[in-house]
Amino acid sequence: MFAMNSCQLNNDNPSATRAFINACSMSCQKFLRRMEMTKETILSEFRNVLGARGQMAELALTEAEALAHETGFPLLVYPTLAREKVEAVAAWNRRQEAMLHGSSLASVAA
């Protein structure tokens, strides 16, 4: 029978405490791997488009990750938010390239 608060560990059973700690650790590691895999997938999709602007995409992904963590559902929110932010960096990069090469912004916006 569990008569303990969900935030307290039962010190009478060290093996249960160790099992709980291990489960938490494995869950955290799985979470971090999924976030990293999502980040790498998005970066690889935009790598050719961004070229030298890859660092800006990484900063956008870091920002998306921080915002996603604030929601309480980061694995649900992060992929969409990250993609939107990297797409914004890619669009900005296209506009910069168009201005650099003298193209009209109207053709870039299309």
N, C-alpha and C. Protein backbone atom coordinates (compact mmCIF):
# COMPACT_ATOMS: atom_id res chain seq x y z
N MET A 1 0.84 -1.18 0.00
CA MET A 1 0.00 0.00 0.00
C MET A 1 0.88 1.24 0.00
N PHE A 2 0.60 2.18 -0.91
CA PHE A 2 1.37 3.41 -1.00
C PHE A 2 0.66 4.48 -0.21
N ALA A 3 1.32 4.94 0.83
CA ALA A 3 0.76 6.01 1.64
C ALA A 3 1.74 7.18 1.67
N MET A 4 2.41 7.38 0.53
CA MET A 4 3.37 8.49 0.51
C MET A 4 2.99 9.51 -0.53
N ASN A 5 3.42 10.68 -0.29
CA ASN A 5 3.23 11.78 -1.22
C ASN A 5 3.98 11.46 -2.51
N SER A 6 3.47 11.88 -3.65
CA SER A 6 4.12 11.58 -4.92
C SER A 6 5.50 12.21 -5.03
N CYS A 7 5.79 13.20 -4.21
CA CYS A 7 7.09 13.87 -4.26
C CYS A 7 8.06 13.31 -3.23
N GLN A 8 7.65 12.35 -2.44
CA GLN A 8 8.51 11.78 -1.42
C GLN A 8 8.90 10.36 -1.82
N LEU A 9 10.13 9.99 -1.51
CA LEU A 9 10.59 8.63 -1.75
C LEU A 9 10.52 7.85 -0.45
N ASN A 10 10.22 6.59 -0.56
CA ASN A 10 10.14 5.72 0.60
C ASN A 10 11.55 5.29 0.97
N ASN A 11 12.06 5.80 2.06
CA ASN A 11 13.41 5.48 2.50
C ASN A 11 13.51 4.08 3.10
N ASP A 12 12.38 3.43 3.37
CA ASP A 12 12.38 2.09 3.95
C ASP A 12 12.72 1.02 2.92
N ASN A 13 12.62 1.37 1.64
CA ASN A 13 12.85 0.39 0.58
C ASN A 13 13.86 0.96 -0.41
N PRO A 14 15.15 0.77 -0.14
CA PRO A 14 16.18 1.34 -1.03
C PRO A 14 16.11 0.82 -2.47
N SER A 15 15.70 -0.44 -2.66
CA SER A 15 15.63 -0.95 -4.03
C SER A 15 14.51 -0.28 -4.81
N ALA A 16 13.40 0.03 -4.16
CA ALA A 16 12.31 0.75 -4.82
C ALA A 16 12.74 2.18 -5.15
N THR A 17 13.49 2.78 -4.23
CA THR A 17 14.00 4.14 -4.46
C THR A 17 14.94 4.14 -5.66
N ARG A 18 15.84 3.16 -5.71
CA ARG A 18 16.80 3.05 -6.82
C ARG A 18 16.06 2.81 -8.13
N ALA A 19 15.04 1.96 -8.11
CA ALA A 19 14.26 1.68 -9.31
C ALA A 19 13.56 2.94 -9.80
N PHE A 20 13.02 3.71 -8.86
CA PHE A 20 12.35 4.96 -9.22
C PHE A 20 13.34 5.94 -9.85
N ILE A 21 14.50 6.07 -9.26
CA ILE A 21 15.53 6.97 -9.78
C ILE A 21 15.97 6.52 -11.18
N ASN A 22 16.15 5.22 -11.36
CA ASN A 22 16.55 4.69 -12.67
C ASN A 22 15.47 4.95 -13.72
N ALA A 23 14.21 4.75 -13.35
CA ALA A 23 13.11 4.99 -14.28
C ALA A 23 13.06 6.46 -14.69
N CYS A 24 13.25 7.35 -13.73
CA CYS A 24 13.26 8.79 -14.04
C CYS A 24 14.42 9.14 -14.96
N SER A 25 15.58 8.58 -14.68
CA SER A 25 16.77 8.83 -15.49
C SER A 25 16.57 8.34 -16.92
N MET A 26 16.02 7.14 -17.07
CA MET A 26 15.79 6.59 -18.42
C MET A 26 14.76 7.41 -19.17
N SER A 27 13.74 7.86 -18.48
CA SER A 27 12.71 8.69 -19.11
C SER A 27 13.30 10.01 -19.59
N CYS A 28 14.13 10.61 -18.77
CA CYS A 28 14.77 11.87 -19.13
C CYS A 28 15.70 11.69 -20.33
N GLN A 29 16.47 10.62 -20.33
CA GLN A 29 17.37 10.35 -21.44
C GLN A 29 16.59 10.12 -22.74
N LYS A 30 15.48 9.41 -22.66
CA LYS A 30 14.64 9.17 -23.84
C LYS A 30 14.09 10.49 -24.36
N PHE A 31 13.63 11.33 -23.45
CA PHE A 31 13.11 12.65 -23.82
C PHE A 31 14.18 13.46 -24.54
N LEU A 32 15.37 13.52 -23.98
CA LEU A 32 16.46 14.29 -24.59
C LEU A 32 16.85 13.74 -25.96
N ARG A 33 16.86 12.42 -26.10
CA ARG A 33 17.18 11.81 -27.41
C ARG A 33 16.13 12.19 -28.45
N ARG A 34 14.87 12.17 -28.07
CA ARG A 34 13.81 12.52 -29.02
C ARG A 34 13.90 13.98 -29.44
N MET A 35 14.20 14.86 -28.49
CA MET A 35 14.35 16.27 -28.83
C MET A 35 15.53 16.45 -29.78
N GLU A 36 16.63 15.79 -29.50
CA GLU A 36 17.83 15.91 -30.34
C GLU A 36 17.58 15.33 -31.73
N MET A 37 16.88 14.21 -31.81
CA MET A 37 16.57 13.61 -33.12
C MET A 37 15.69 14.54 -33.94
N THR A 38 14.73 15.17 -33.30
CA THR A 38 13.86 16.11 -34.00
C THR A 38 14.67 17.29 -34.51
N LYS A 39 15.55 17.80 -33.67
CA LYS A 39 16.39 18.93 -34.06
C LYS A 39 17.26 18.56 -35.26
N GLU A 40 17.89 17.41 -35.21
CA GLU A 40 18.76 16.97 -36.32
C GLU A 40 17.97 16.76 -37.60
N THR A 41 16.77 16.22 -37.49
CA THR A 41 15.93 16.01 -38.68
C THR A 41 15.60 17.33 -39.36
N ILE A 42 15.19 18.30 -38.56
CA ILE A 42 14.83 19.61 -39.12
C ILE A 42 16.05 20.29 -39.71
N LEU A 43 17.17 20.25 -39.01
CA LEU A 43 18.39 20.86 -39.54
C LEU A 43 18.81 20.22 -40.86
N SER A 44 18.72 18.90 -40.93
CA SER A 44 19.15 18.23 -42.17
C SER A 44 18.23 18.59 -43.34
N GLU A 45 16.95 18.81 -43.07
CA GLU A 45 16.02 19.20 -44.14
C GLU A 45 16.35 20.58 -44.71
N PHE A 46 16.88 21.46 -43.88
CA PHE A 46 17.11 22.85 -44.30
C PHE A 46 18.59 23.15 -44.55
N ARG A 47 19.46 22.18 -44.37
CA ARG A 47 20.90 22.42 -44.48
C ARG A 47 21.27 23.00 -45.84
N ASN A 48 20.75 22.45 -46.92
CA ASN A 48 21.09 22.94 -48.26
C ASN A 48 20.54 24.34 -48.51
N VAL A 49 19.38 24.62 -47.97
CA VAL A 49 18.75 25.93 -48.16
C VAL A 49 19.49 27.01 -47.39
N LEU A 50 19.94 26.67 -46.19
CA LEU A 50 20.52 27.68 -45.31
C LEU A 50 22.01 27.92 -45.54
N GLY A 51 22.72 26.92 -45.96
CA GLY A 51 24.16 27.08 -46.19
C GLY A 51 24.88 27.64 -44.98
N ALA A 52 25.48 28.81 -45.15
CA ALA A 52 26.26 29.43 -44.09
C ALA A 52 25.39 29.94 -42.94
N ARG A 53 24.10 29.98 -43.14
CA ARG A 53 23.18 30.48 -42.10
C ARG A 53 22.74 29.37 -41.15
N GLY A 54 23.41 28.26 -41.17
CA GLY A 54 23.07 27.13 -40.31
C GLY A 54 23.09 27.49 -38.83
N GLN A 55 24.01 28.36 -38.46
CA GLN A 55 24.09 28.76 -37.05
C GLN A 55 22.82 29.52 -36.63
N MET A 56 22.26 30.30 -37.54
CA MET A 56 21.01 31.00 -37.23
C MET A 56 19.87 30.00 -37.04
N ALA A 57 19.88 28.94 -37.83
CA ALA A 57 18.86 27.91 -37.68
C ALA A 57 19.01 27.21 -36.34
N GLU A 58 20.23 26.95 -35.93
CA GLU A 58 20.46 26.32 -34.63
C GLU A 58 19.98 27.22 -33.50
N LEU A 59 20.19 28.52 -33.62
CA LEU A 59 19.69 29.45 -32.61
C LEU A 59 18.16 29.46 -32.60
N ALA A 60 17.55 29.39 -33.77
CA ALA A 60 16.09 29.35 -33.85
C ALA A 60 15.57 28.07 -33.20
N LEU A 61 16.27 26.96 -33.40
CA LEU A 61 15.86 25.70 -32.78
C LEU A 61 16.00 25.75 -31.26
N THR A 62 17.04 26.39 -30.79
CA THR A 62 17.23 26.55 -29.35
C THR A 62 16.10 27.39 -28.76
N GLU A 63 15.74 28.44 -29.46
CA GLU A 63 14.63 29.28 -29.00
C GLU A 63 13.32 28.48 -28.99
N ALA A 64 13.08 27.71 -30.04
CA ALA A 64 11.87 26.89 -30.11
C ALA A 64 11.83 25.87 -28.96
N GLU A 65 12.98 25.30 -28.66
CA GLU A 65 13.04 24.32 -27.57
C GLU A 65 12.70 24.98 -26.23
N ALA A 66 13.25 26.16 -26.00
CA ALA A 66 12.97 26.87 -24.74
C ALA A 66 11.48 27.20 -24.64
N LEU A 67 10.90 27.68 -25.73
CA LEU A 67 9.48 28.00 -25.73
C LEU A 67 8.62 26.74 -25.54
N ALA A 68 9.02 25.66 -26.17
CA ALA A 68 8.26 24.41 -26.05
C ALA A 68 8.27 23.90 -24.61
N HIS A 69 9.38 24.06 -23.92
CA HIS A 69 9.47 23.61 -22.53
C HIS A 69 8.53 24.40 -21.63
N GLU A 70 8.25 25.62 -21.98
CA GLU A 70 7.36 26.44 -21.17
C GLU A 70 5.91 25.98 -21.26
N THR A 71 5.57 25.20 -22.28
CA THR A 71 4.18 24.78 -22.46
C THR A 71 3.79 23.61 -21.57
N GLY A 72 4.75 22.85 -21.10
CA GLY A 72 4.43 21.64 -20.35
C GLY A 72 4.27 20.42 -21.25
N PHE A 73 4.27 20.63 -22.56
CA PHE A 73 4.15 19.55 -23.54
C PHE A 73 5.21 19.72 -24.63
N PRO A 74 6.47 19.75 -24.26
CA PRO A 74 7.51 20.09 -25.24
C PRO A 74 7.60 19.13 -26.42
N LEU A 75 7.40 17.83 -26.21
CA LEU A 75 7.49 16.90 -27.34
C LEU A 75 6.35 17.06 -28.32
N LEU A 76 5.25 17.59 -27.85
CA LEU A 76 4.11 17.82 -28.72
C LEU A 76 4.27 19.13 -29.50
N VAL A 77 4.77 20.15 -28.84
CA VAL A 77 4.85 21.49 -29.42
C VAL A 77 6.13 21.71 -30.23
N TYR A 78 7.22 21.15 -29.78
CA TYR A 78 8.54 21.45 -30.36
C TYR A 78 8.65 21.21 -31.87
N PRO A 79 8.24 20.06 -32.39
CA PRO A 79 8.46 19.85 -33.84
C PRO A 79 7.84 20.93 -34.73
N THR A 80 6.61 21.30 -34.44
CA THR A 80 5.94 22.32 -35.26
C THR A 80 6.57 23.69 -35.06
N LEU A 81 6.81 24.05 -33.82
CA LEU A 81 7.40 25.35 -33.52
C LEU A 81 8.81 25.46 -34.11
N ALA A 82 9.59 24.41 -33.99
CA ALA A 82 10.95 24.41 -34.53
C ALA A 82 10.94 24.56 -36.04
N ARG A 83 10.05 23.82 -36.69
CA ARG A 83 9.96 23.91 -38.15
C ARG A 83 9.57 25.32 -38.58
N GLU A 84 8.60 25.92 -37.89
CA GLU A 84 8.18 27.28 -38.23
C GLU A 84 9.32 28.27 -38.08
N LYS A 85 10.10 28.13 -37.01
CA LYS A 85 11.20 29.06 -36.78
C LYS A 85 12.30 28.88 -37.83
N VAL A 86 12.61 27.65 -38.19
CA VAL A 86 13.65 27.42 -39.20
C VAL A 86 13.16 27.85 -40.57
N GLU A 87 11.88 27.66 -40.86
CA GLU A 87 11.33 28.16 -42.12
C GLU A 87 11.42 29.68 -42.19
N ALA A 88 11.23 30.34 -41.06
CA ALA A 88 11.36 31.81 -41.02
C ALA A 88 12.81 32.21 -41.30
N VAL A 89 13.77 31.47 -40.76
CA VAL A 89 15.19 31.76 -41.03
C VAL A 89 15.48 31.52 -42.51
N ALA A 90 14.92 30.45 -43.08
CA ALA A 90 15.13 30.16 -44.51
C ALA A 90 14.54 31.26 -45.38
N ALA A 91 13.35 31.75 -45.03
CA ALA A 91 12.72 32.83 -45.79
C ALA A 91 13.55 34.10 -45.69
N TRP A 92 14.03 34.39 -44.50
CA TRP A 92 14.89 35.56 -44.31
C TRP A 92 16.16 35.41 -45.15
N ASN A 93 16.71 34.21 -45.17
CA ASN A 93 17.92 33.94 -45.95
C ASN A 93 17.66 34.16 -47.44
N ARG A 94 16.52 33.70 -47.94
CA ARG A 94 16.18 33.91 -49.35
C ARG A 94 16.07 35.40 -49.67
N ARG A 95 15.44 36.16 -48.79
CA ARG A 95 15.33 37.62 -49.02
C ARG A 95 16.71 38.27 -49.02
N GLN A 96 17.57 37.86 -48.11
CA GLN A 96 18.92 38.42 -48.07
C GLN A 96 19.70 38.08 -49.34
N GLU A 97 19.59 36.84 -49.79
CA GLU A 97 20.27 36.43 -51.02
C GLU A 97 19.74 37.21 -52.22
N ALA A 98 18.43 37.42 -52.27
CA ALA A 98 17.82 38.17 -53.38
C ALA A 98 18.33 39.61 -53.38
N MET A 99 18.41 40.22 -52.22
CA MET A 99 18.91 41.60 -52.15
C MET A 99 20.38 41.65 -52.51
N LEU A 100 21.13 40.66 -52.10
CA LEU A 100 22.56 40.62 -52.38
C LEU A 100 22.81 40.49 -53.89
N HIS A 101 21.99 39.70 -54.55
CA HIS A 101 22.17 39.46 -55.97
C HIS A 101 21.32 40.36 -56.84
N GLY A 102 20.66 41.34 -56.25
CA GLY A 102 19.92 42.32 -57.01
C GLY A 102 18.57 41.86 -57.56
N SER A 103 18.07 40.74 -57.10
CA SER A 103 16.75 40.28 -57.55
C SER A 103 15.68 41.10 -56.86
N SER A 104 14.51 41.11 -57.46
CA SER A 104 13.40 41.84 -56.84
C SER A 104 12.82 40.99 -55.71
N LEU A 105 12.34 41.66 -54.68
CA LEU A 105 11.71 40.96 -53.58
C LEU A 105 10.41 40.32 -53.97
N ALA A 106 9.78 40.83 -55.03
CA ALA A 106 8.51 40.26 -55.49
C ALA A 106 8.71 38.82 -55.95
N SER A 107 9.82 38.55 -56.62
CA SER A 107 10.06 37.20 -57.08
C SER A 107 10.42 36.27 -55.93
N VAL A 108 11.00 36.80 -54.86
CA VAL A 108 11.36 35.99 -53.70
C VAL A 108 10.11 35.65 -52.88
N ALA A 109 9.18 36.57 -52.81
CA ALA A 109 7.98 36.37 -52.01
C ALA A 109 7.08 35.29 -52.61
N ALA A 110 7.21 35.04 -53.87
CA ALA A 110 6.34 34.04 -54.54
C ALA A 110 6.67 32.64 -54.20
